Protein backbone atom coordinates (compact mmCIF):
# COMPACT_ATOMS: atom_id res chain seq x y z
CA UNK A 1 40.94 11.64 -42.50
CA UNK A 2 41.25 8.44 -40.03
CA UNK A 3 44.50 7.89 -38.24
CA UNK A 4 45.99 6.10 -35.31
CA UNK A 5 48.29 6.75 -32.63
CA UNK A 6 50.41 4.13 -30.05
CA UNK A 7 50.59 4.83 -26.60
CA UNK A 8 51.08 3.00 -23.34
CA UNK A 9 48.00 1.59 -21.62
CA UNK A 10 47.53 0.00 -18.25
CA UNK A 11 45.00 -2.79 -17.34
CA UNK A 12 43.98 -4.56 -14.43
CA UNK A 13 43.46 -8.35 -13.89
CA UNK A 14 42.61 -10.58 -10.80
CA UNK A 15 43.84 -13.79 -9.75
CA UNK A 16 42.70 -15.97 -7.20
CA UNK A 17 46.22 -16.55 -5.26
CA UNK A 18 49.74 -16.22 -5.47
CA UNK A 19 51.78 -18.35 -7.88
CA UNK A 20 54.04 -20.61 -5.63
CA UNK A 21 56.34 -23.44 -6.36
CA UNK A 22 53.17 -25.56 -5.43
CA UNK A 23 51.17 -24.28 -8.11
CA UNK A 24 50.70 -26.80 -10.98
CA UNK A 25 48.00 -25.12 -13.40
CA UNK A 26 47.27 -21.51 -14.64
CA UNK A 27 43.90 -20.93 -15.96
CA UNK A 28 43.23 -17.84 -18.06
CA UNK A 29 39.46 -17.06 -17.79
CA UNK A 30 37.97 -14.58 -20.40
CA UNK A 31 34.64 -13.15 -19.37
CA UNK A 32 31.43 -12.37 -21.44
CA UNK A 33 29.97 -9.03 -22.61
CA UNK A 34 28.82 -6.56 -19.92
CA UNK A 35 30.77 -8.44 -17.22
CA UNK A 36 33.67 -7.68 -14.93
CA UNK A 37 36.60 -9.69 -14.21
CA UNK A 38 36.80 -9.12 -10.16
CA UNK A 39 32.82 -10.64 -10.37
CA UNK A 40 33.64 -13.19 -13.13
CA UNK A 41 36.52 -14.89 -11.31
CA UNK A 42 34.27 -15.39 -8.26
CA UNK A 43 32.42 -18.12 -10.21
CA UNK A 44 35.73 -20.42 -10.18
CA UNK A 45 36.21 -20.28 -6.38
CA UNK A 46 35.01 -23.89 -6.11
CA UNK A 47 38.23 -25.02 -8.23
CA UNK A 48 41.08 -22.88 -7.34
CA UNK A 49 43.46 -23.76 -4.90
CA UNK A 50 47.19 -23.48 -4.27
CA UNK A 51 47.67 -25.81 -7.29
CA UNK A 52 45.22 -23.96 -9.65
CA UNK A 53 45.58 -20.34 -9.53
CA UNK A 54 43.01 -18.64 -11.89
CA UNK A 55 43.77 -15.46 -13.90
CA UNK A 56 40.88 -13.38 -14.96
CA UNK A 57 41.94 -10.38 -17.53
CA UNK A 58 39.28 -7.91 -18.38
CA UNK A 59 37.79 -6.33 -21.59
CA UNK A 60 39.38 -2.83 -22.16
CA UNK A 61 35.93 -1.00 -23.06
CA UNK A 62 33.79 -0.14 -19.97
CA UNK A 63 30.34 0.97 -20.02
CA UNK A 64 27.28 1.73 -17.96
CA UNK A 65 24.92 -1.40 -18.44
CA UNK A 66 21.73 1.07 -17.85
CA UNK A 67 21.89 5.09 -18.62
CA UNK A 68 24.51 6.78 -17.32
CA UNK A 69 25.06 5.56 -13.88
CA UNK A 70 25.02 2.41 -11.79
CA UNK A 71 26.34 -0.93 -12.67
CA UNK A 72 29.35 -1.24 -15.26
CA UNK A 73 30.08 -4.04 -17.58
CA UNK A 74 33.00 -4.27 -19.98
CA UNK A 75 33.26 -5.47 -23.65
CA UNK A 76 36.20 -7.19 -25.45
CA UNK A 77 35.16 -5.47 -28.76
CA UNK A 78 32.28 -4.18 -30.80
CA UNK A 79 31.66 -3.57 -34.42
CA UNK A 80 33.06 0.18 -34.10
CA UNK A 81 36.94 -0.39 -34.96
CA UNK A 82 36.73 -4.12 -34.40
CA UNK A 83 40.13 -4.85 -35.82
CA UNK A 84 41.62 -2.39 -33.52
CA UNK A 85 40.01 -3.70 -30.71
CA UNK A 86 41.14 -7.18 -31.37
CA UNK A 87 44.63 -5.96 -32.14
CA UNK A 88 44.72 -4.07 -28.74
CA UNK A 89 43.09 -6.93 -26.49
CA UNK A 90 45.76 -9.29 -28.12
CA UNK A 91 48.57 -7.08 -26.85
CA UNK A 92 47.50 -6.91 -23.70
CA UNK A 93 46.65 -10.64 -23.15
CA UNK A 94 50.30 -11.58 -24.27
CA UNK A 95 51.72 -9.02 -22.07
CA UNK A 96 49.65 -10.21 -19.40
CA UNK A 97 50.92 -13.72 -20.12
CA UNK A 98 54.53 -12.72 -20.55
CA UNK A 99 54.40 -11.02 -17.25
CA UNK A 100 52.91 -14.41 -15.32
CA UNK A 101 54.68 -16.93 -17.40
CA UNK A 102 58.18 -15.67 -16.25
CA UNK A 103 57.19 -16.81 -12.47
CA UNK A 104 56.35 -20.47 -13.62
CA UNK A 105 58.21 -23.32 -14.56
CA UNK A 106 57.75 -25.28 -17.95
CA UNK A 107 56.00 -28.04 -16.59
CA UNK A 108 53.03 -25.74 -15.55
CA UNK A 109 49.69 -26.77 -17.32
CA UNK A 110 47.72 -23.89 -18.58
CA UNK A 111 44.28 -23.95 -19.56
CA UNK A 112 42.50 -21.27 -21.73
CA UNK A 113 38.76 -20.56 -21.15
CA UNK A 114 36.22 -18.14 -22.63
CA UNK A 115 32.98 -17.48 -21.76
CA UNK A 116 30.18 -16.02 -24.10
CA UNK A 117 31.75 -13.33 -25.88
CA UNK A 118 35.14 -14.34 -24.28
CA UNK A 119 34.88 -17.57 -26.63
CA UNK A 120 36.03 -15.62 -29.54
CA UNK A 121 38.30 -13.78 -27.85
CA UNK A 122 40.20 -16.78 -26.50
CA UNK A 123 40.19 -18.34 -29.86
CA UNK A 124 41.65 -15.04 -31.66
CA UNK A 125 44.41 -14.98 -28.51
CA UNK A 126 45.15 -18.80 -29.10
CA UNK A 127 45.79 -18.04 -32.85
CA UNK A 128 48.91 -15.79 -31.99
CA UNK A 129 50.22 -17.23 -28.69
CA UNK A 130 53.87 -18.20 -28.53
CA UNK A 131 53.48 -20.54 -25.35
CA UNK A 132 52.18 -23.87 -25.03
CA UNK A 133 48.90 -24.74 -23.29
CA UNK A 134 47.13 -27.93 -22.57
CA UNK A 135 43.24 -27.39 -22.77
CA UNK A 136 40.98 -24.95 -24.62
CA UNK A 137 37.44 -24.65 -23.23
CA UNK A 138 34.73 -22.54 -25.12
CA UNK A 139 31.60 -22.48 -22.41
CA UNK A 140 28.67 -21.02 -23.74
CA UNK A 141 30.13 -19.70 -26.97
CA UNK A 142 31.68 -20.27 -30.32
CA UNK A 143 34.47 -20.50 -32.57
CA UNK A 144 34.63 -17.30 -34.48
CA UNK A 145 34.47 -17.35 -38.19
CA UNK A 146 37.38 -14.79 -38.87
CA UNK A 147 40.24 -16.91 -37.74
CA UNK A 148 42.78 -18.81 -40.05
CA UNK A 149 41.01 -22.31 -39.79
CA UNK A 150 44.51 -23.98 -40.92
CA UNK A 151 47.08 -22.00 -38.50
CA UNK A 152 44.29 -22.41 -35.59
CA UNK A 153 43.53 -25.93 -36.50
CA UNK A 154 47.12 -26.78 -36.34
CA UNK A 155 47.72 -25.00 -33.06
CA UNK A 156 44.86 -27.29 -31.27
CA UNK A 157 45.27 -30.40 -33.07
CA UNK A 158 47.27 -32.01 -29.96
CA UNK A 159 45.19 -29.71 -27.38
CA UNK A 160 42.18 -31.04 -25.73
CA UNK A 161 39.37 -28.83 -26.77
CA UNK A 162 35.77 -28.52 -25.08
CA UNK A 163 32.71 -27.02 -25.81
CA UNK A 164 30.01 -26.40 -22.89
CA UNK A 165 26.45 -25.20 -23.33
CA UNK A 166 23.30 -25.21 -21.23
CA UNK A 167 20.24 -27.02 -22.51
CA UNK A 168 18.22 -23.83 -21.56
CA UNK A 169 20.76 -21.37 -23.00
CA UNK A 170 18.73 -18.78 -24.78
CA UNK A 171 21.72 -17.57 -27.19
CA UNK A 172 22.18 -21.02 -28.75
CA UNK A 173 19.83 -22.17 -31.34
CA UNK A 174 19.72 -24.97 -34.13
CA UNK A 175 21.28 -22.45 -36.60
CA UNK A 176 24.09 -21.56 -34.63
CA UNK A 177 24.79 -25.22 -33.74
CA UNK A 178 24.94 -25.99 -37.73
CA UNK A 179 27.20 -22.93 -38.33
CA UNK A 180 29.66 -24.11 -35.72
CA UNK A 181 29.43 -27.71 -36.95
CA UNK A 182 30.84 -26.06 -40.20
CA UNK A 183 33.48 -24.14 -38.47
CA UNK A 184 34.41 -27.28 -36.60
CA UNK A 185 34.72 -29.35 -39.84
CA UNK A 186 37.35 -26.39 -41.10
CA UNK A 187 39.37 -26.56 -38.18
CA UNK A 188 39.64 -30.50 -38.63
CA UNK A 189 39.31 -30.84 -35.05
CA UNK A 190 38.03 -33.36 -32.30
CA UNK A 191 35.82 -31.26 -30.05
CA UNK A 192 34.46 -32.63 -26.74
CA UNK A 193 30.81 -31.47 -26.53
CA UNK A 194 29.55 -31.11 -23.06
CA UNK A 195 25.75 -30.19 -22.51
CA UNK A 196 24.52 -29.25 -18.78
CA UNK A 197 21.17 -28.32 -17.46
CA UNK A 198 21.20 -24.88 -16.97
CA UNK A 199 21.05 -21.54 -18.89
CA UNK A 200 23.68 -18.98 -20.10
CA UNK A 201 26.10 -19.14 -17.08
CA UNK A 202 29.16 -20.82 -15.73
CA UNK A 203 28.60 -24.50 -14.78
CA UNK A 204 31.20 -25.50 -12.37
CA UNK A 205 30.42 -29.16 -12.37
CA UNK A 206 31.25 -29.35 -15.72
CA UNK A 207 34.64 -27.91 -15.28
CA UNK A 208 35.38 -30.02 -12.36
CA UNK A 209 34.71 -33.26 -14.62
CA UNK A 210 37.47 -31.54 -17.16
CA UNK A 211 39.51 -31.46 -14.48
CA UNK A 212 39.37 -35.02 -13.54
CA UNK A 213 39.71 -36.45 -17.31
């Protein structure tokens, strides 16, 4: 007989600097499958400064990338107990946001970014949020098909939404692009599409362009 139990859980996150009176922007950046937040956050060093603090949470499930030792990666969820994983990471992300947003003023601009597997994670989180944000960036990933399209569409209708992809991204093909267009139509959103020269990785120059807009 399957049962569940609730208990307290601690999780780490990384940030690029202290949140001070000079901080104007917070970016929550959610990594992809097999990555760790302490390394993922380094990809944003060219856009972080005292006015822009980057926050990198980490997937709650960790595993060895090869065999039984060596490099470790993490995942936001798998198909095994996926709904429980989603529930748990949303509780974690909300607790993190609550803790950080106590330190900021109401004029703080907040950006949510998901990369690869983190794009589905950030969309599911955005659907449950009780704080305001300015931008949603889906980098090298997609909207998941299991959100409430009406509800998420309403949340995003006054937000700046971007989808970034590399022209050599090995995980994106024509079929997946068609599926995404159907989901975007269901959301009834205006999405800014940005294609860059590159593969499945963070493209900092595209993010710099978004910051300028």
